[in-house]
């Protein structure tokens, strides 16, 4: 067995990391061909990562031009603690107001820890949704690692 095979995350471990992660770094391809990487909050819908962002943002312009993106969720401070999931994906930009609102609501609840939205907050979120999009990332290739599985030998 290769060292690479030793450190792969199982599907359950991948899900745990994505469930507990707070930030996904989304790298799109800028107009000049250079990577454009942005840290974003996200939600999981099924097994896919979704983001909620301004429709006129640079990342959305990039994804409109070229839907390919690389996503990274990682954790750990020391080399032996590093764990991560890197996903090569195709982005689907959604502008349907109800879907955008629902993703925004899921994201707000996830990061606020609240069980539900207050009516005023829901109305504010509906107003914001008009200027936002929900982006779904469909995985094409996934790479994972968990250096804790190396047992301190590198």
C-alpha atoms as a PDB file:
ATOM      1  CA  UNK A   1       0.000   0.000   0.000  1.00  0.00           C
ATOM      2  CA  UNK A   2       1.343   3.429  -0.920  1.00  0.00           C
ATOM      3  CA  UNK A   3       1.666   6.196   1.676  1.00  0.00           C
ATOM      4  CA  UNK A   4      -0.888   8.105  -0.407  1.00  0.00           C
ATOM      5  CA  UNK A   5      -3.418   5.308   0.055  1.00  0.00           C
ATOM      6  CA  UNK A   6      -2.709   5.264   3.803  1.00  0.00           C
ATOM      7  CA  UNK A   7      -3.778   8.867   4.317  1.00  0.00           C
ATOM      8  CA  UNK A   8      -6.977   8.927   2.243  1.00  0.00           C
ATOM      9  CA  UNK A   9     -10.168   9.855   4.049  1.00  0.00           C
ATOM     10  CA  UNK A  10     -13.094   7.447   3.901  1.00  0.00           C
ATOM     11  CA  UNK A  11     -16.439   8.806   2.706  1.00  0.00           C
ATOM     12  CA  UNK A  12     -17.557   9.066   6.344  1.00  0.00           C
ATOM     13  CA  UNK A  13     -14.360  10.939   7.284  1.00  0.00           C
ATOM     14  CA  UNK A  14     -14.808  13.281   4.312  1.00  0.00           C
ATOM     15  CA  UNK A  15     -18.364  14.037   5.398  1.00  0.00           C
ATOM     16  CA  UNK A  16     -17.257  14.688   8.997  1.00  0.00           C
ATOM     17  CA  UNK A  17     -14.578  17.116   7.822  1.00  0.00           C
ATOM     18  CA  UNK A  18     -16.965  18.938   5.484  1.00  0.00           C
ATOM     19  CA  UNK A  19     -19.660  19.039   8.200  1.00  0.00           C
ATOM     20  CA  UNK A  20     -17.251  20.494  10.759  1.00  0.00           C
ATOM     21  CA  UNK A  21     -15.357  22.797   8.395  1.00  0.00           C
ATOM     22  CA  UNK A  22     -16.184  26.483   8.435  1.00  0.00           C
ATOM     23  CA  UNK A  23     -14.460  27.820   5.324  1.00  0.00           C
ATOM     24  CA  UNK A  24     -14.045  26.543   1.791  1.00  0.00           C
ATOM     25  CA  UNK A  25     -11.408  28.174  -0.397  1.00  0.00           C
ATOM     26  CA  UNK A  26     -12.859  28.401  -3.902  1.00  0.00           C
ATOM     27  CA  UNK A  27     -10.356  28.891  -6.716  1.00  0.00           C
ATOM     28  CA  UNK A  28     -11.744  29.980 -10.061  1.00  0.00           C
ATOM     29  CA  UNK A  29      -9.906  31.060 -13.194  1.00  0.00           C
ATOM     30  CA  UNK A  30      -9.588  34.811 -13.619  1.00  0.00           C
ATOM     31  CA  UNK A  31      -9.859  36.710 -16.905  1.00  0.00           C
ATOM     32  CA  UNK A  32      -6.044  36.787 -17.286  1.00  0.00           C
ATOM     33  CA  UNK A  33      -5.813  33.033 -16.700  1.00  0.00           C
ATOM     34  CA  UNK A  34      -4.549  33.265 -13.126  1.00  0.00           C
ATOM     35  CA  UNK A  35      -6.200  31.465 -10.200  1.00  0.00           C
ATOM     36  CA  UNK A  36      -8.542  33.589  -8.097  1.00  0.00           C
ATOM     37  CA  UNK A  37      -8.920  32.064  -4.618  1.00  0.00           C
ATOM     38  CA  UNK A  38     -11.501  33.228  -2.104  1.00  0.00           C
ATOM     39  CA  UNK A  39     -12.401  31.897   1.362  1.00  0.00           C
ATOM     40  CA  UNK A  40     -16.158  31.460   1.727  1.00  0.00           C
ATOM     41  CA  UNK A  41     -18.746  30.089   4.096  1.00  0.00           C
ATOM     42  CA  UNK A  42     -20.639  27.140   2.654  1.00  0.00           C
ATOM     43  CA  UNK A  43     -23.413  24.648   3.207  1.00  0.00           C
ATOM     44  CA  UNK A  44     -23.652  21.011   2.248  1.00  0.00           C
ATOM     45  CA  UNK A  45     -26.742  20.059   0.329  1.00  0.00           C
ATOM     46  CA  UNK A  46     -26.591  16.316   0.047  1.00  0.00           C
ATOM     47  CA  UNK A  47     -22.960  15.659  -0.824  1.00  0.00           C
ATOM     48  CA  UNK A  48     -22.387  18.930  -2.685  1.00  0.00           C
ATOM     49  CA  UNK A  49     -20.906  22.204  -1.492  1.00  0.00           C
ATOM     50  CA  UNK A  50     -23.006  25.300  -2.119  1.00  0.00           C
ATOM     51  CA  UNK A  51     -22.096  28.946  -1.599  1.00  0.00           C
ATOM     52  CA  UNK A  52     -24.160  32.124  -1.454  1.00  0.00           C
ATOM     53  CA  UNK A  53     -22.500  35.258  -2.818  1.00  0.00           C
ATOM     54  CA  UNK A  54     -23.040  38.543  -4.643  1.00  0.00           C
ATOM     55  CA  UNK A  55     -24.104  38.046  -8.265  1.00  0.00           C
ATOM     56  CA  UNK A  56     -21.642  40.712  -9.443  1.00  0.00           C
ATOM     57  CA  UNK A  57     -18.640  39.332  -7.543  1.00  0.00           C
ATOM     58  CA  UNK A  58     -15.418  38.488  -9.346  1.00  0.00           C
ATOM     59  CA  UNK A  59     -15.749  34.797  -8.507  1.00  0.00           C
ATOM     60  CA  UNK A  60     -19.179  34.678 -10.170  1.00  0.00           C
ATOM     61  CA  UNK A  61     -17.871  36.489 -13.264  1.00  0.00           C
ATOM     62  CA  UNK A  62     -15.045  33.947 -13.427  1.00  0.00           C
ATOM     63  CA  UNK A  63     -17.425  30.987 -13.059  1.00  0.00           C
ATOM     64  CA  UNK A  64     -19.757  32.390 -15.720  1.00  0.00           C
ATOM     65  CA  UNK A  65     -16.830  32.458 -18.136  1.00  0.00           C
ATOM     66  CA  UNK A  66     -15.394  29.077 -17.061  1.00  0.00           C
ATOM     67  CA  UNK A  67     -17.343  26.876 -14.622  1.00  0.00           C
ATOM     68  CA  UNK A  68     -14.284  24.911 -13.455  1.00  0.00           C
ATOM     69  CA  UNK A  69     -13.264  25.451  -9.838  1.00  0.00           C
ATOM     70  CA  UNK A  70     -11.103  23.813  -7.219  1.00  0.00           C
ATOM     71  CA  UNK A  71     -12.410  23.766  -3.658  1.00  0.00           C
ATOM     72  CA  UNK A  72     -10.363  23.200  -0.514  1.00  0.00           C
ATOM     73  CA  UNK A  73     -11.515  22.503   3.028  1.00  0.00           C
ATOM     74  CA  UNK A  74      -8.644  21.777   5.402  1.00  0.00           C
ATOM     75  CA  UNK A  75      -7.716  21.755   9.056  1.00  0.00           C
ATOM     76  CA  UNK A  76      -4.701  21.273  11.285  1.00  0.00           C
ATOM     77  CA  UNK A  77      -1.828  23.374  12.554  1.00  0.00           C
ATOM     78  CA  UNK A  78       1.135  20.996  12.622  1.00  0.00           C
ATOM     79  CA  UNK A  79       2.120  18.786   9.674  1.00  0.00           C
ATOM     80  CA  UNK A  80       1.045  15.631  11.507  1.00  0.00           C
ATOM     81  CA  UNK A  81      -2.449  17.095  12.071  1.00  0.00           C
ATOM     82  CA  UNK A  82      -3.230  18.161   8.508  1.00  0.00           C
ATOM     83  CA  UNK A  83      -6.493  16.875   7.031  1.00  0.00           C
ATOM     84  CA  UNK A  84      -8.190  18.075   3.916  1.00  0.00           C
ATOM     85  CA  UNK A  85     -10.548  17.577   1.025  1.00  0.00           C
ATOM     86  CA  UNK A  86      -9.767  19.082  -2.376  1.00  0.00           C
ATOM     87  CA  UNK A  87     -12.543  18.940  -4.941  1.00  0.00           C
ATOM     88  CA  UNK A  88     -12.258  19.679  -8.644  1.00  0.00           C
ATOM     89  CA  UNK A  89     -15.785  20.712  -9.568  1.00  0.00           C
ATOM     90  CA  UNK A  90     -18.030  22.357 -12.123  1.00  0.00           C
ATOM     91  CA  UNK A  91     -20.037  25.298 -10.855  1.00  0.00           C
ATOM     92  CA  UNK A  92     -23.703  25.810 -11.570  1.00  0.00           C
ATOM     93  CA  UNK A  93     -24.849  29.368 -10.892  1.00  0.00           C
ATOM     94  CA  UNK A  94     -28.448  29.569  -9.685  1.00  0.00           C
ATOM     95  CA  UNK A  95     -30.428  32.804  -9.837  1.00  0.00           C
ATOM     96  CA  UNK A  96     -33.873  31.474  -8.915  1.00  0.00           C
ATOM     97  CA  UNK A  97     -34.884  33.804  -6.078  1.00  0.00           C
ATOM     98  CA  UNK A  98     -36.488  31.108  -3.924  1.00  0.00           C
ATOM     99  CA  UNK A  99     -33.476  28.777  -4.257  1.00  0.00           C
ATOM    100  CA  UNK A 100     -31.041  31.633  -3.555  1.00  0.00           C
ATOM    101  CA  UNK A 101     -33.065  32.554  -0.458  1.00  0.00           C
ATOM    102  CA  UNK A 102     -33.145  28.918   0.751  1.00  0.00           C
ATOM    103  CA  UNK A 103     -29.367  28.536   0.412  1.00  0.00           C
ATOM    104  CA  UNK A 104     -28.858  31.892   2.138  1.00  0.00           C
ATOM    105  CA  UNK A 105     -31.167  30.766   4.939  1.00  0.00           C
ATOM    106  CA  UNK A 106     -29.334  27.438   5.347  1.00  0.00           C
ATOM    107  CA  UNK A 107     -26.015  29.269   5.462  1.00  0.00           C
ATOM    108  CA  UNK A 108     -27.298  31.819   7.993  1.00  0.00           C
ATOM    109  CA  UNK A 109     -28.657  29.097  10.264  1.00  0.00           C
ATOM    110  CA  UNK A 110     -25.459  27.039   9.999  1.00  0.00           C
ATOM    111  CA  UNK A 111     -23.162  29.889  10.987  1.00  0.00           C
ATOM    112  CA  UNK A 112     -25.426  31.525  13.555  1.00  0.00           C
ATOM    113  CA  UNK A 113     -26.246  28.269  15.331  1.00  0.00           C
ATOM    114  CA  UNK A 114     -29.909  29.305  15.425  1.00  0.00           C
ATOM    115  CA  UNK A 115     -32.707  26.804  14.906  1.00  0.00           C
ATOM    116  CA  UNK A 116     -34.795  29.242  12.882  1.00  0.00           C
ATOM    117  CA  UNK A 117     -34.826  32.789  11.549  1.00  0.00           C
ATOM    118  CA  UNK A 118     -36.678  35.607  13.229  1.00  0.00           C
ATOM    119  CA  UNK A 119     -39.276  37.157  10.871  1.00  0.00           C
ATOM    120  CA  UNK A 120     -37.254  40.392  10.464  1.00  0.00           C
ATOM    121  CA  UNK A 121     -34.106  38.420   9.639  1.00  0.00           C
ATOM    122  CA  UNK A 122     -35.997  36.318   7.089  1.00  0.00           C
ATOM    123  CA  UNK A 123     -37.314  39.466   5.376  1.00  0.00           C
ATOM    124  CA  UNK A 124     -33.822  40.991   5.302  1.00  0.00           C
ATOM    125  CA  UNK A 125     -32.456  37.778   3.809  1.00  0.00           C
ATOM    126  CA  UNK A 126     -35.175  37.777   1.129  1.00  0.00           C
ATOM    127  CA  UNK A 127     -34.218  41.339   0.220  1.00  0.00           C
ATOM    128  CA  UNK A 128     -30.525  40.402   0.022  1.00  0.00           C
ATOM    129  CA  UNK A 129     -31.275  37.382  -2.163  1.00  0.00           C
ATOM    130  CA  UNK A 130     -32.188  39.674  -5.069  1.00  0.00           C
ATOM    131  CA  UNK A 131     -28.523  40.678  -5.366  1.00  0.00           C
ATOM    132  CA  UNK A 132     -27.089  37.218  -4.710  1.00  0.00           C
ATOM    133  CA  UNK A 133     -26.683  33.849  -6.382  1.00  0.00           C
ATOM    134  CA  UNK A 134     -26.413  30.311  -5.057  1.00  0.00           C
ATOM    135  CA  UNK A 135     -23.578  28.317  -6.572  1.00  0.00           C
ATOM    136  CA  UNK A 136     -23.630  24.523  -6.585  1.00  0.00           C
ATOM    137  CA  UNK A 137     -20.333  22.714  -7.107  1.00  0.00           C
ATOM    138  CA  UNK A 138     -20.649  19.334  -8.795  1.00  0.00           C
ATOM    139  CA  UNK A 139     -17.597  17.227  -7.891  1.00  0.00           C
ATOM    140  CA  UNK A 140     -15.544  15.776 -10.746  1.00  0.00           C
ATOM    141  CA  UNK A 141     -12.470  14.594  -8.812  1.00  0.00           C
ATOM    142  CA  UNK A 142     -11.759  14.444  -5.082  1.00  0.00           C
ATOM    143  CA  UNK A 143      -8.410  14.181  -3.308  1.00  0.00           C
ATOM    144  CA  UNK A 144      -8.198  13.750   0.463  1.00  0.00           C
ATOM    145  CA  UNK A 145      -5.525  13.427   3.134  1.00  0.00           C
ATOM    146  CA  UNK A 146      -5.204  12.856   6.852  1.00  0.00           C
ATOM    147  CA  UNK A 147      -1.621  13.076   8.072  1.00  0.00           C
ATOM    148  CA  UNK A 148      -2.703  11.815  11.492  1.00  0.00           C
ATOM    149  CA  UNK A 149      -2.836   8.366   9.859  1.00  0.00           C
ATOM    150  CA  UNK A 150       0.943   8.465   9.335  1.00  0.00           C
ATOM    151  CA  UNK A 151       1.500   7.893  13.039  1.00  0.00           C
ATOM    152  CA  UNK A 152       4.259  10.500  13.291  1.00  0.00           C
ATOM    153  CA  UNK A 153       6.430   8.972  10.544  1.00  0.00           C
ATOM    154  CA  UNK A 154       6.877  11.093   7.442  1.00  0.00           C
END
